[in-house]
Amino acid sequence: MKTRGFWTGLVLAVLAFATFGTAQEKVDNSAILGVWKIEVDADGQYYYLTMELKEASGKLEGTASEEQGTFTDKPLEDLVFDGTTLSFAFNSPTPPDGLERLVKAEFKLVEGKLDGTMTVPSMGVTVRATATKAI
C-alpha cells in the first residue's frame, strides 16, 4: 500500500515539475513589439485600427485605437503571445450602434505579418483581420 502512495507522489511531482518548467519558458516578443496597422474586413466594409505592443517589466502590454478616432488607446487585456499566436481582447464601441462591447482577436504571425480573426462574442460576429508592422 505504501508503494502505491510513493508512485502517485512521484507522478504528481513529475507533472508539477513539467508544468513549472513550461511556465518558466520565456517567449521572445521582439517579433511583435512595435506599432501595427490592422485592416478589419467586415464582409466588404473595412475598419482600420492601430495597435501598439511593448514590453514593460518583462510583460507584454498593448493598446488599440481606431484610425478615424472612434476610440483611442484601449488597453489590450488577456494579451498572450506564444511565439506564433497572438491573442488579446479589448472593449470598444462597435458597429452598428456604437455601443461598447468586448472584442477578441487571434492572429498567427506568418512571415512578419499577422493574419487572423476578430470576434465580437455578444453579437456572434467573427471577421477576418490582417496586420502589418508600421514601426
Protein backbone atom coordinates (compact mmCIF):
# COMPACT_ATOMS: atom_id res chain seq x y z
CA MET A 1 0.00 0.00 0.00
CA LYS A 2 2.88 2.35 0.77
CA THR A 3 4.36 1.64 -2.68
CA ARG A 4 1.20 2.89 -4.38
CA GLY A 5 1.38 6.18 -2.47
CA PHE A 6 5.03 6.55 -3.47
CA TRP A 7 4.25 6.13 -7.18
CA THR A 8 1.31 8.51 -7.00
CA GLY A 9 3.51 11.11 -5.30
CA LEU A 10 6.27 10.61 -7.86
CA VAL A 11 3.87 11.04 -10.80
CA LEU A 12 2.41 14.21 -9.25
CA ALA A 13 5.90 15.60 -8.62
CA VAL A 14 6.93 14.94 -12.24
CA LEU A 15 3.75 16.60 -13.54
CA ALA A 16 4.27 19.60 -11.28
CA PHE A 17 7.87 19.95 -12.42
CA ALA A 18 6.89 19.67 -16.10
CA THR A 19 4.20 22.31 -15.67
CA PHE A 20 6.53 24.61 -13.74
CA GLY A 21 9.26 24.19 -16.36
CA THR A 22 6.88 25.05 -19.19
CA ALA A 23 5.51 28.10 -17.38
CA GLN A 24 9.01 29.44 -16.85
CA GLU A 25 9.99 29.38 -20.55
CA LYS A 26 10.36 32.92 -21.87
CA VAL A 27 8.95 33.69 -25.30
CA ASP A 28 10.85 36.20 -27.42
CA ASN A 29 8.35 39.01 -28.03
CA SER A 30 10.68 41.07 -30.24
CA ALA A 31 8.94 39.99 -33.47
CA ILE A 32 5.65 41.57 -32.41
CA LEU A 33 6.79 44.64 -30.49
CA GLY A 34 6.03 47.97 -32.15
CA VAL A 35 3.15 49.61 -33.98
CA TRP A 36 0.87 47.53 -36.20
CA LYS A 37 -1.73 48.68 -38.73
CA ILE A 38 -4.73 46.35 -38.65
CA GLU A 39 -7.22 46.07 -41.51
CA VAL A 40 -10.53 44.52 -40.48
CA ASP A 41 -12.69 43.16 -43.29
CA ALA A 42 -16.30 43.01 -42.09
CA ASP A 43 -17.87 41.50 -45.21
CA GLY A 44 -16.51 44.18 -47.52
CA GLN A 45 -16.76 47.04 -45.04
CA TYR A 46 -13.27 47.91 -43.83
CA TYR A 47 -12.15 49.27 -40.49
CA TYR A 48 -8.62 50.36 -39.70
CA LEU A 49 -7.00 50.06 -36.31
CA THR A 50 -3.59 50.84 -34.89
CA MET A 51 -2.17 48.51 -32.28
CA GLU A 52 0.91 49.27 -30.21
CA LEU A 53 2.69 46.42 -28.44
CA LYS A 54 5.51 46.92 -25.95
CA GLU A 55 7.22 45.10 -23.16
CA ALA A 56 7.29 46.63 -19.69
CA SER A 57 9.00 44.90 -16.77
CA GLY A 58 9.18 41.72 -18.85
CA LYS A 59 5.43 41.73 -19.52
CA LEU A 60 3.71 42.24 -22.86
CA GLU A 61 1.37 45.26 -22.93
CA GLY A 62 -0.60 46.97 -25.65
CA THR A 63 -3.28 49.37 -26.80
CA ALA A 64 -5.62 49.61 -29.77
CA SER A 65 -7.02 52.71 -31.47
CA GLU A 66 -9.41 53.21 -34.37
CA GLU A 67 -7.81 55.37 -37.07
CA GLN A 68 -10.86 57.64 -37.51
CA GLY A 69 -10.82 58.44 -33.77
CA THR A 70 -13.88 56.44 -32.69
CA PHE A 71 -11.75 55.09 -29.85
CA THR A 72 -8.16 55.59 -28.78
CA ASP A 73 -5.66 53.74 -26.61
CA LYS A 74 -7.95 50.97 -25.42
CA PRO A 75 -5.83 48.66 -23.24
CA LEU A 76 -5.42 45.13 -24.52
CA GLU A 77 -6.41 42.50 -21.96
CA ASP A 78 -5.55 38.79 -21.80
CA LEU A 79 -2.59 39.58 -24.07
CA VAL A 80 -0.70 36.40 -24.91
CA PHE A 81 1.98 35.62 -27.49
CA ASP A 82 3.34 32.09 -27.62
CA GLY A 83 5.90 32.68 -30.36
CA THR A 84 3.38 32.05 -33.16
CA THR A 85 -0.10 33.03 -31.99
CA LEU A 86 -1.05 36.44 -30.60
CA SER A 87 -4.36 36.75 -28.79
CA PHE A 88 -5.96 39.59 -26.86
CA ALA A 89 -9.25 41.28 -26.01
CA PHE A 90 -10.39 44.86 -25.54
CA ASN A 91 -13.60 46.80 -25.01
CA SER A 92 -14.59 49.32 -27.65
CA PRO A 93 -17.52 50.89 -29.44
CA THR A 94 -18.64 48.62 -32.28
CA PRO A 95 -20.92 48.93 -35.29
CA PRO A 96 -23.75 49.15 -35.97
CA ASP A 97 -24.84 51.18 -32.92
CA GLY A 98 -21.54 52.31 -31.36
CA LEU A 99 -22.19 50.51 -28.08
CA GLU A 100 -19.12 49.33 -26.18
CA ARG A 101 -18.57 45.59 -26.48
CA LEU A 102 -15.84 43.06 -25.87
CA VAL A 103 -13.74 42.36 -28.95
CA LYS A 104 -11.48 39.29 -29.04
CA ALA A 105 -8.67 38.77 -31.50
CA GLU A 106 -6.43 35.91 -32.51
CA PHE A 107 -3.62 36.26 -35.03
CA LYS A 108 -0.90 33.99 -36.37
CA LEU A 109 2.48 35.55 -37.07
CA VAL A 110 3.45 34.49 -40.59
CA GLU A 111 6.46 35.97 -42.40
CA GLY A 112 6.37 39.18 -40.36
CA LYS A 113 2.62 39.76 -40.78
CA LEU A 114 -0.34 38.97 -38.55
CA ASP A 115 -3.27 37.09 -40.07
CA GLY A 116 -6.36 36.14 -38.11
CA THR A 117 -9.80 36.99 -36.87
CA MET A 118 -11.56 39.45 -34.60
CA THR A 119 -14.73 38.42 -32.83
CA VAL A 120 -17.49 40.28 -31.02
CA PRO A 121 -18.88 37.37 -28.96
CA SER A 122 -22.03 39.17 -27.78
CA MET A 123 -23.07 39.71 -31.40
CA GLY A 124 -21.87 36.35 -32.75
CA VAL A 125 -19.72 38.16 -35.32
CA THR A 126 -16.30 36.99 -36.50
CA VAL A 127 -14.39 38.85 -39.23
CA ARG A 128 -11.03 38.48 -40.92
CA ALA A 129 -8.21 40.83 -40.00
CA THR A 130 -4.63 41.31 -41.13
CA ALA A 131 -1.89 43.48 -39.70
CA THR A 132 1.38 44.83 -40.98
CA LYS A 133 4.09 46.33 -38.85
CA ALA A 134 4.39 50.10 -39.21
CA ILE A 135 7.26 50.70 -36.80
